[in-house]
Amino acid sequence: MKDTIRQLIQQAITQLVTEGVLPEGLSPAIQVENTRDKTHGDFASNIAMMLAKPAGLKPRDLAEKIIAALPAAESVSKAEIAGPGFINFFQNT
């Protein structure tokens, strides 16, 4: 599941580079971790916080753009922003 989420995030990043939101040449290590509290989702990523500075955006603003660019996936029911710019993913059950 973590690999699926990494792939979804990578596709969103590629789309945002194409749209000019993110600069070209970024190759971040996309981290996806299990959440400590399942009310906050099943998995979380800090990718928006990692890319905010090169993008010249606030982490929460970039997280919104990443979520909007995420392709649909049957295994993910929703994604939402948490805290300073984490993206939480909820697994379909």
PDB file of N, CA and C in Angstrom:
ATOM      1  N   MET A   1       0.816  -1.200   0.000  1.00  0.00           N
ATOM      2  CA  MET A   1       0.000   0.000   0.000  1.00  0.00           C
ATOM      3  C   MET A   1       0.860   1.264   0.000  1.00  0.00           C
ATOM      4  N   LYS A   2       1.946   1.237   0.770  1.00  0.00           N
ATOM      5  CA  LYS A   2       2.834   2.405   0.802  1.00  0.00           C
ATOM      6  C   LYS A   2       3.401   2.697  -0.585  1.00  0.00           C
ATOM      7  N   ASP A   3       3.748   1.635  -1.328  1.00  0.00           N
ATOM      8  CA  ASP A   3       4.273   1.837  -2.681  1.00  0.00           C
ATOM      9  C   ASP A   3       3.221   2.456  -3.593  1.00  0.00           C
ATOM     10  N   THR A   4       1.975   2.038  -3.435  1.00  0.00           N
ATOM     11  CA  THR A   4       0.886   2.619  -4.224  1.00  0.00           C
ATOM     12  C   THR A   4       0.761   4.105  -3.937  1.00  0.00           C
ATOM     13  N   ILE A   5       0.803   4.474  -2.679  1.00  0.00           N
ATOM     14  CA  ILE A   5       0.691   5.889  -2.304  1.00  0.00           C
ATOM     15  C   ILE A   5       1.893   6.668  -2.830  1.00  0.00           C
ATOM     16  N   ARG A   6       3.088   6.093  -2.751  1.00  0.00           N
ATOM     17  CA  ARG A   6       4.276   6.761  -3.306  1.00  0.00           C
ATOM     18  C   ARG A   6       4.090   7.022  -4.802  1.00  0.00           C
ATOM     19  N   GLN A   7       3.548   6.041  -5.519  1.00  0.00           N
ATOM     20  CA  GLN A   7       3.319   6.195  -6.957  1.00  0.00           C
ATOM     21  C   GLN A   7       2.294   7.292  -7.228  1.00  0.00           C
ATOM     22  N   LEU A   8       1.237   7.352  -6.429  1.00  0.00           N
ATOM     23  CA  LEU A   8       0.224   8.397  -6.600  1.00  0.00           C
ATOM     24  C   LEU A   8       0.832   9.780  -6.367  1.00  0.00           C
ATOM     25  N   ILE A   9       1.639   9.896  -5.322  1.00  0.00           N
ATOM     26  CA  ILE A   9       2.289  11.177  -5.025  1.00  0.00           C
ATOM     27  C   ILE A   9       3.236  11.555  -6.162  1.00  0.00           C
ATOM     28  N   GLN A  10       3.996  10.586  -6.668  1.00  0.00           N
ATOM     29  CA  GLN A  10       4.924  10.872  -7.770  1.00  0.00           C
ATOM     30  C   GLN A  10       4.166  11.360  -8.996  1.00  0.00           C
ATOM     31  N   GLN A  11       3.026  10.752  -9.297  1.00  0.00           N
ATOM     32  CA  GLN A  11       2.218  11.192 -10.436  1.00  0.00           C
ATOM     33  C   GLN A  11       1.718  12.616 -10.223  1.00  0.00           C
ATOM     34  N   ALA A  12       1.319  12.936  -8.997  1.00  0.00           N
ATOM     35  CA  ALA A  12       0.860  14.297  -8.692  1.00  0.00           C
ATOM     36  C   ALA A  12       2.007  15.292  -8.841  1.00  0.00           C
ATOM     37  N   ILE A  13       3.197  14.931  -8.365  1.00  0.00           N
ATOM     38  CA  ILE A  13       4.362  15.811  -8.491  1.00  0.00           C
ATOM     39  C   ILE A  13       4.680  16.052  -9.966  1.00  0.00           C
ATOM     40  N   THR A  14       4.656  14.998 -10.765  1.00  0.00           N
ATOM     41  CA  THR A  14       4.921  15.127 -12.199  1.00  0.00           C
ATOM     42  C   THR A  14       3.925  16.084 -12.841  1.00  0.00           C
ATOM     43  N   GLN A  15       2.656  15.962 -12.477  1.00  0.00           N
ATOM     44  CA  GLN A  15       1.632  16.856 -13.017  1.00  0.00           C
ATOM     45  C   GLN A  15       1.903  18.300 -12.590  1.00  0.00           C
ATOM     46  N   LEU A  16       2.276  18.510 -11.336  1.00  0.00           N
ATOM     47  CA  LEU A  16       2.534  19.865 -10.842  1.00  0.00           C
ATOM     48  C   LEU A  16       3.782  20.473 -11.483  1.00  0.00           C
ATOM     49  N   VAL A  17       4.767  19.660 -11.821  1.00  0.00           N
ATOM     50  CA  VAL A  17       5.936  20.153 -12.561  1.00  0.00           C
ATOM     51  C   VAL A  17       5.495  20.584 -13.956  1.00  0.00           C
ATOM     52  N   THR A  18       4.673  19.761 -14.608  1.00  0.00           N
ATOM     53  CA  THR A  18       4.164  20.085 -15.938  1.00  0.00           C
ATOM     54  C   THR A  18       3.376  21.389 -15.925  1.00  0.00           C
ATOM     55  N   GLU A  19       2.608  21.612 -14.857  1.00  0.00           N
ATOM     56  CA  GLU A  19       1.795  22.825 -14.735  1.00  0.00           C
ATOM     57  C   GLU A  19       2.619  24.036 -14.298  1.00  0.00           C
ATOM     58  N   GLY A  20       3.882  23.823 -13.947  1.00  0.00           N
ATOM     59  CA  GLY A  20       4.740  24.923 -13.525  1.00  0.00           C
ATOM     60  C   GLY A  20       4.618  25.290 -12.054  1.00  0.00           C
ATOM     61  N   VAL A  21       3.884  24.489 -11.288  1.00  0.00           N
ATOM     62  CA  VAL A  21       3.741  24.743  -9.847  1.00  0.00           C
ATOM     63  C   VAL A  21       5.036  24.383  -9.123  1.00  0.00           C
ATOM     64  N   LEU A  22       5.650  23.292  -9.543  1.00  0.00           N
ATOM     65  CA  LEU A  22       6.920  22.845  -8.964  1.00  0.00           C
ATOM     66  C   LEU A  22       8.023  22.978 -10.009  1.00  0.00           C
ATOM     67  N   PRO A  23       9.241  23.295  -9.572  1.00  0.00           N
ATOM     68  CA  PRO A  23      10.346  23.397 -10.529  1.00  0.00           C
ATOM     69  C   PRO A  23      10.769  22.017 -11.034  1.00  0.00           C
ATOM     70  N   GLU A  24      11.338  21.999 -12.227  1.00  0.00           N
ATOM     71  CA  GLU A  24      11.839  20.741 -12.780  1.00  0.00           C
ATOM     72  C   GLU A  24      13.088  20.300 -12.028  1.00  0.00           C
ATOM     73  N   GLY A  25      13.381  19.021 -12.127  1.00  0.00           N
ATOM     74  CA  GLY A  25      14.608  18.496 -11.549  1.00  0.00           C
ATOM     75  C   GLY A  25      14.496  18.036 -10.112  1.00  0.00           C
ATOM     76  N   LEU A  26      13.304  18.078  -9.547  1.00  0.00           N
ATOM     77  CA  LEU A  26      13.127  17.596  -8.177  1.00  0.00           C
ATOM     78  C   LEU A  26      13.066  16.075  -8.183  1.00  0.00           C
ATOM     79  N   SER A  27      13.781  15.459  -7.285  1.00  0.00           N
ATOM     80  CA  SER A  27      13.696  14.000  -7.147  1.00  0.00           C
ATOM     81  C   SER A  27      13.686  13.652  -5.662  1.00  0.00           C
ATOM     82  N   PRO A  28      12.613  14.054  -4.986  1.00  0.00           N
ATOM     83  CA  PRO A  28      12.557  13.821  -3.542  1.00  0.00           C
ATOM     84  C   PRO A  28      12.349  12.348  -3.210  1.00  0.00           C
ATOM     85  N   ALA A  29      12.873  11.952  -2.075  1.00  0.00           N
ATOM     86  CA  ALA A  29      12.577  10.625  -1.543  1.00  0.00           C
ATOM     87  C   ALA A  29      11.201  10.728  -0.890  1.00  0.00           C
ATOM     88  N   ILE A  30      10.217  10.125  -1.510  1.00  0.00           N
ATOM     89  CA  ILE A  30       8.842  10.228  -1.018  1.00  0.00           C
ATOM     90  C   ILE A  30       8.670   9.273   0.154  1.00  0.00           C
ATOM     91  N   GLN A  31       8.440   9.856   1.317  1.00  0.00           N
ATOM     92  CA  GLN A  31       8.271   9.062   2.527  1.00  0.00           C
ATOM     93  C   GLN A  31       6.785   8.883   2.821  1.00  0.00           C
ATOM     94  N   VAL A  32       6.402   7.652   3.075  1.00  0.00           N
ATOM     95  CA  VAL A  32       5.033   7.325   3.478  1.00  0.00           C
ATOM     96  C   VAL A  32       5.142   6.469   4.729  1.00  0.00           C
ATOM     97  N   GLU A  33       4.524   6.933   5.786  1.00  0.00           N
ATOM     98  CA  GLU A  33       4.600   6.240   7.072  1.00  0.00           C
ATOM     99  C   GLU A  33       3.204   5.863   7.560  1.00  0.00           C
ATOM    100  N   ASN A  34       3.141   4.863   8.422  1.00  0.00           N
ATOM    101  CA  ASN A  34       1.878   4.546   9.089  1.00  0.00           C
ATOM    102  C   ASN A  34       1.575   5.674  10.069  1.00  0.00           C
ATOM    103  N   THR A  35       0.301   6.035  10.193  1.00  0.00           N
ATOM    104  CA  THR A  35      -0.064   7.061  11.167  1.00  0.00           C
ATOM    105  C   THR A  35      -0.111   6.437  12.558  1.00  0.00           C
ATOM    106  N   ARG A  36       0.119   7.262  13.560  1.00  0.00           N
ATOM    107  CA  ARG A  36       0.041   6.783  14.944  1.00  0.00           C
ATOM    108  C   ARG A  36      -1.404   6.666  15.392  1.00  0.00           C
ATOM    109  N   ASP A  37      -2.245   7.550  14.879  1.00  0.00           N
ATOM    110  CA  ASP A  37      -3.652   7.615  15.275  1.00  0.00           C
ATOM    111  C   ASP A  37      -4.507   7.377  14.038  1.00  0.00           C
ATOM    112  N   LYS A  38      -5.219   6.261  13.997  1.00  0.00           N
ATOM    113  CA  LYS A  38      -5.990   5.881  12.810  1.00  0.00           C
ATOM    114  C   LYS A  38      -7.135   6.845  12.493  1.00  0.00           C
ATOM    115  N   THR A  39      -7.496   7.722  13.436  1.00  0.00           N
ATOM    116  CA  THR A  39      -8.512   8.732  13.104  1.00  0.00           C
ATOM    117  C   THR A  39      -7.929   9.769  12.146  1.00  0.00           C
ATOM    118  N   HIS A  40      -6.589   9.792  12.033  1.00  0.00           N
ATOM    119  CA  HIS A  40      -5.918  10.712  11.119  1.00  0.00           C
ATOM    120  C   HIS A  40      -5.550  10.031   9.809  1.00  0.00           C
ATOM    121  N   GLY A  41      -6.093   8.872   9.566  1.00  0.00           N
ATOM    122  CA  GLY A  41      -5.799   8.143   8.341  1.00  0.00           C
ATOM    123  C   GLY A  41      -4.946   6.927   8.626  1.00  0.00           C
ATOM    124  N   ASP A  42      -4.654   6.204   7.554  1.00  0.00           N
ATOM    125  CA  ASP A  42      -3.854   4.991   7.677  1.00  0.00           C
ATOM    126  C   ASP A  42      -2.375   5.254   7.401  1.00  0.00           C
ATOM    127  N   PHE A  43      -2.117   6.208   6.512  1.00  0.00           N
ATOM    128  CA  PHE A  43      -0.750   6.539   6.119  1.00  0.00           C
ATOM    129  C   PHE A  43      -0.609   8.048   6.026  1.00  0.00           C
ATOM    130  N   ALA A  44       0.627   8.532   6.164  1.00  0.00           N
ATOM    131  CA  ALA A  44       0.882   9.972   6.072  1.00  0.00           C
ATOM    132  C   ALA A  44       2.191  10.211   5.331  1.00  0.00           C
ATOM    133  N   SER A  45       2.261  11.372   4.666  1.00  0.00           N
ATOM    134  CA  SER A  45       3.483  11.779   3.986  1.00  0.00           C
ATOM    135  C   SER A  45       3.783  13.239   4.299  1.00  0.00           C
ATOM    136  N   ASN A  46       5.061  13.544   4.405  1.00  0.00           N
ATOM    137  CA  ASN A  46       5.490  14.921   4.639  1.00  0.00           C
ATOM    138  C   ASN A  46       6.007  15.579   3.358  1.00  0.00           C
ATOM    139  N   ILE A  47       5.644  15.053   2.209  1.00  0.00           N
ATOM    140  CA  ILE A  47       6.173  15.518   0.928  1.00  0.00           C
ATOM    141  C   ILE A  47       5.930  17.011   0.698  1.00  0.00           C
ATOM    142  N   ALA A  48       4.802  17.533   1.127  1.00  0.00           N
ATOM    143  CA  ALA A  48       4.525  18.962   0.917  1.00  0.00           C
ATOM    144  C   ALA A  48       5.505  19.821   1.709  1.00  0.00           C
ATOM    145  N   MET A  49       5.870  19.378   2.883  1.00  0.00           N
ATOM    146  CA  MET A  49       6.835  20.134   3.686  1.00  0.00           C
ATOM    147  C   MET A  49       8.229  20.056   3.069  1.00  0.00           C
ATOM    148  N   MET A  50       8.557  18.935   2.450  1.00  0.00           N
ATOM    149  CA  MET A  50       9.859  18.773   1.812  1.00  0.00           C
ATOM    150  C   MET A  50       9.997  19.645   0.567  1.00  0.00           C
ATOM    151  N   LEU A  51       8.901  19.820  -0.172  1.00  0.00           N
ATOM    152  CA  LEU A  51       8.959  20.527  -1.453  1.00  0.00           C
ATOM    153  C   LEU A  51       8.497  21.979  -1.380  1.00  0.00           C
ATOM    154  N   ALA A  52       8.001  22.412  -0.236  1.00  0.00           N
ATOM    155  CA  ALA A  52       7.443  23.768  -0.123  1.00  0.00           C
ATOM    156  C   ALA A  52       8.478  24.846  -0.430  1.00  0.00           C
ATOM    157  N   LYS A  53       9.660  24.716   0.124  1.00  0.00           N
ATOM    158  CA  LYS A  53      10.680  25.756  -0.082  1.00  0.00           C
ATOM    159  C   LYS A  53      11.096  25.859  -1.553  1.00  0.00           C
ATOM    160  N   PRO A  54      11.441  24.736  -2.232  1.00  0.00           N
ATOM    161  CA  PRO A  54      11.791  24.856  -3.650  1.00  0.00           C
ATOM    162  C   PRO A  54      10.631  25.380  -4.503  1.00  0.00           C
ATOM    163  N   ALA A  55       9.398  25.123  -4.060  1.00  0.00           N
ATOM    164  CA  ALA A  55       8.226  25.587  -4.810  1.00  0.00           C
ATOM    165  C   ALA A  55       7.879  27.035  -4.489  1.00  0.00           C
ATOM    166  N   GLY A  56       8.431  27.557  -3.391  1.00  0.00           N
ATOM    167  CA  GLY A  56       8.098  28.919  -2.980  1.00  0.00           C
ATOM    168  C   GLY A  56       6.682  29.038  -2.450  1.00  0.00           C
ATOM    169  N   LEU A  57       6.191  27.957  -1.859  1.00  0.00           N
ATOM    170  CA  LEU A  57       4.827  27.919  -1.325  1.00  0.00           C
ATOM    171  C   LEU A  57       4.858  27.515   0.146  1.00  0.00           C
ATOM    172  N   LYS A  58       3.776  27.830   0.837  1.00  0.00           N
ATOM    173  CA  LYS A  58       3.611  27.327   2.199  1.00  0.00           C
ATOM    174  C   LYS A  58       3.277  25.840   2.104  1.00  0.00           C
ATOM    175  N   PRO A  59       3.741  25.035   3.065  1.00  0.00           N
ATOM    176  CA  PRO A  59       3.488  23.591   2.997  1.00  0.00           C
ATOM    177  C   PRO A  59       2.009  23.228   2.863  1.00  0.00           C
ATOM    178  N   ARG A  60       1.137  23.899   3.601  1.00  0.00           N
ATOM    179  CA  ARG A  60      -0.294  23.568   3.511  1.00  0.00           C
ATOM    180  C   ARG A  60      -0.854  23.910   2.130  1.00  0.00           C
ATOM    181  N   ASP A  61      -0.391  25.018   1.539  1.00  0.00           N
ATOM    182  CA  ASP A  61      -0.850  25.385   0.195  1.00  0.00           C
ATOM    183  C   ASP A  61      -0.390  24.358  -0.831  1.00  0.00           C
ATOM    184  N   LEU A  62       0.855  23.912  -0.704  1.00  0.00           N
ATOM    185  CA  LEU A  62       1.356  22.892  -1.622  1.00  0.00           C
ATOM    186  C   LEU A  62       0.635  21.567  -1.398  1.00  0.00           C
ATOM    187  N   ALA A  63       0.347  21.226  -0.151  1.00  0.00           N
ATOM    188  CA  ALA A  63      -0.395  19.992   0.137  1.00  0.00           C
ATOM    189  C   ALA A  63      -1.750  20.009  -0.563  1.00  0.00           C
ATOM    190  N   GLU A  64      -2.425  21.158  -0.568  1.00  0.00           N
ATOM    191  CA  GLU A  64      -3.706  21.277  -1.278  1.00  0.00           C
ATOM    192  C   GLU A  64      -3.531  20.981  -2.759  1.00  0.00           C
ATOM    193  N   LYS A  65      -2.480  21.526  -3.357  1.00  0.00           N
ATOM    194  CA  LYS A  65      -2.233  21.312  -4.782  1.00  0.00           C
ATOM    195  C   LYS A  65      -1.887  19.855  -5.071  1.00  0.00           C
ATOM    196  N   ILE A  66      -1.114  19.237  -4.190  1.00  0.00           N
ATOM    197  CA  ILE A  66      -0.769  17.823  -4.380  1.00  0.00           C
ATOM    198  C   ILE A  66      -2.025  16.967  -4.295  1.00  0.00           C
ATOM    199  N   ILE A  67      -2.861  17.221  -3.304  1.00  0.00           N
ATOM    200  CA  ILE A  67      -4.098  16.446  -3.159  1.00  0.00           C
ATOM    201  C   ILE A  67      -4.982  16.613  -4.389  1.00  0.00           C
ATOM    202  N   ALA A  68      -5.092  17.840  -4.890  1.00  0.00           N
ATOM    203  CA  ALA A  68      -5.919  18.088  -6.077  1.00  0.00           C
ATOM    204  C   ALA A  68      -5.367  17.357  -7.302  1.00  0.00           C
ATOM    205  N   ALA A  69      -4.049  17.142  -7.348  1.00  0.00           N
ATOM    206  CA  ALA A  69      -3.420  16.494  -8.495  1.00  0.00           C
ATOM    207  C   ALA A  69      -3.322  14.976  -8.359  1.00  0.00           C
ATOM    208  N   LEU A  70      -3.664  14.435  -7.195  1.00  0.00           N
ATOM    209  CA  LEU A  70      -3.581  12.983  -7.004  1.00  0.00           C
ATOM    210  C   LEU A  70      -4.551  12.270  -7.937  1.00  0.00           C
ATOM    211  N   PRO A  71      -4.075  11.257  -8.658  1.00  0.00           N
ATOM    212  CA  PRO A  71      -5.000  10.472  -9.469  1.00  0.00           C
ATOM    213  C   PRO A  71      -5.898   9.621  -8.568  1.00  0.00           C
ATOM    214  N   ALA A  72      -7.063   9.302  -9.074  1.00  0.00           N
ATOM    215  CA  ALA A  72      -7.992   8.457  -8.316  1.00  0.00           C
ATOM    216  C   ALA A  72      -7.398   7.058  -8.173  1.00  0.00           C
ATOM    217  N   ALA A  73      -7.648   6.447  -7.038  1.00  0.00           N
ATOM    218  CA  ALA A  73      -7.179   5.082  -6.797  1.00  0.00           C
ATOM    219  C   ALA A  73      -8.218   4.361  -5.957  1.00  0.00           C
ATOM    220  N   GLU A  74      -8.539   3.139  -6.356  1.00  0.00           N
ATOM    221  CA  GLU A  74      -9.539   2.364  -5.623  1.00  0.00           C
ATOM    222  C   GLU A  74      -9.104   2.071  -4.198  1.00  0.00           C
ATOM    223  N   SER A  75      -7.812   1.987  -3.970  1.00  0.00           N
ATOM    224  CA  SER A  75      -7.312   1.612  -2.649  1.00  0.00           C
ATOM    225  C   SER A  75      -7.296   2.771  -1.657  1.00  0.00           C
ATOM    226  N   VAL A  76      -7.460   4.008  -2.141  1.00  0.00           N
ATOM    227  CA  VAL A  76      -7.439   5.190  -1.273  1.00  0.00           C
ATOM    228  C   VAL A  76      -8.819   5.838  -1.295  1.00  0.00           C
ATOM    229  N   SER A  77      -9.446   5.945  -0.123  1.00  0.00           N
ATOM    230  CA  SER A  77     -10.779   6.549  -0.071  1.00  0.00           C
ATOM    231  C   SER A  77     -10.717   8.065  -0.046  1.00  0.00           C
ATOM    232  N   LYS A  78      -9.685   8.632   0.624  1.00  0.00           N
ATOM    233  CA  LYS A  78      -9.528  10.087   0.626  1.00  0.00           C
ATOM    234  C   LYS A  78      -8.144  10.451   1.127  1.00  0.00           C
ATOM    235  N   ALA A  79      -7.783  11.702   0.840  1.00  0.00           N
ATOM    236  CA  ALA A  79      -6.534  12.268   1.346  1.00  0.00           C
ATOM    237  C   ALA A  79      -6.874  13.636   1.906  1.00  0.00           C
ATOM    238  N   GLU A  80      -6.236  14.000   3.016  1.00  0.00           N
ATOM    239  CA  GLU A  80      -6.514  15.300   3.619  1.00  0.00           C
ATOM    240  C   GLU A  80      -5.254  15.869   4.254  1.00  0.00           C
ATOM    241  N   ILE A  81      -5.264  17.183   4.436  1.00  0.00           N
ATOM    242  CA  ILE A  81      -4.129  17.884   5.030  1.00  0.00           C
ATOM    243  C   ILE A  81      -4.250  17.833   6.547  1.00  0.00           C
ATOM    244  N   ALA A  82      -3.112  17.664   7.194  1.00  0.00           N
ATOM    245  CA  ALA A  82      -3.076  17.673   8.660  1.00  0.00           C
ATOM    246  C   ALA A  82      -1.879  18.495   9.119  1.00  0.00           C
ATOM    247  N   GLY A  83      -2.064  19.176  10.231  1.00  0.00           N
ATOM    248  CA  GLY A  83      -0.970  19.925  10.844  1.00  0.00           C
ATOM    249  C   GLY A  83      -0.334  20.919   9.897  1.00  0.00           C
ATOM    250  N   PRO A  84       0.999  21.004   9.936  1.00  0.00           N
ATOM    251  CA  PRO A  84       1.697  22.027   9.156  1.00  0.00           C
ATOM    252  C   PRO A  84       1.791  21.723   7.665  1.00  0.00           C
ATOM    253  N   GLY A  85       1.349  20.530   7.247  1.00  0.00           N
ATOM    254  CA  GLY A  85       1.410  20.203   5.828  1.00  0.00           C
ATOM    255  C   GLY A  85       1.555  18.725   5.530  1.00  0.00           C
ATOM    256  N   PHE A  86       1.270  17.889   6.513  1.00  0.00           N
ATOM    257  CA  PHE A  86       1.231  16.450   6.251  1.00  0.00           C
ATOM    258  C   PHE A  86       0.034  16.147   5.360  1.00  0.00           C
ATOM    259  N   ILE A  87       0.155  15.099   4.563  1.00  0.00           N
ATOM    260  CA  ILE A  87      -0.980  14.603   3.793  1.00  0.00           C
ATOM    261  C   ILE A  87      -1.307  13.227   4.358  1.00  0.00           C
ATOM    262  N   ASN A  88      -2.524  13.092   4.871  1.00  0.00           N
ATOM    263  CA  ASN A  88      -2.980  11.823   5.431  1.00  0.00           C
ATOM    264  C   ASN A  88      -3.824  11.093   4.399  1.00  0.00           C
ATOM    265  N   PHE A  89      -3.594   9.807   4.280  1.00  0.00           N
ATOM    266  CA  PHE A  89      -4.302   8.968   3.323  1.00  0.00           C
ATOM    267  C   PHE A  89      -5.148   7.947   4.074  1.00  0.00           C
ATOM    268  N   PHE A  90      -6.380   7.805   3.648  1.00  0.00           N
ATOM    269  CA  PHE A  90      -7.299   6.840   4.237  1.00  0.00           C
ATOM    270  C   PHE A  90      -7.476   5.696   3.249  1.00  0.00           C
ATOM    271  N   GLN A  91      -7.256   4.492   3.727  1.00  0.00           N
ATOM    272  CA  GLN A  91      -7.355   3.298   2.906  1.00  0.00           C
ATOM    273  C   GLN A  91      -8.811   2.871   2.796  1.00  0.00           C
ATOM    274  N   ASN A  92      -9.207   2.448   1.585  1.00  0.00           N
ATOM    275  CA  ASN A  92     -10.535   1.873   1.412  1.00  0.00           C
ATOM    276  C   ASN A  92     -10.592   0.546   2.149  1.00  0.00           C
ATOM    277  N   THR A  93     -11.719   0.295   2.814  1.00  0.00           N
ATOM    278  CA  THR A  93     -11.848  -0.970   3.544  1.00  0.00           C
ATOM    279  C   THR A  93     -12.890  -1.847   2.915  1.00  0.00           C
TER     280      THR A  93
END
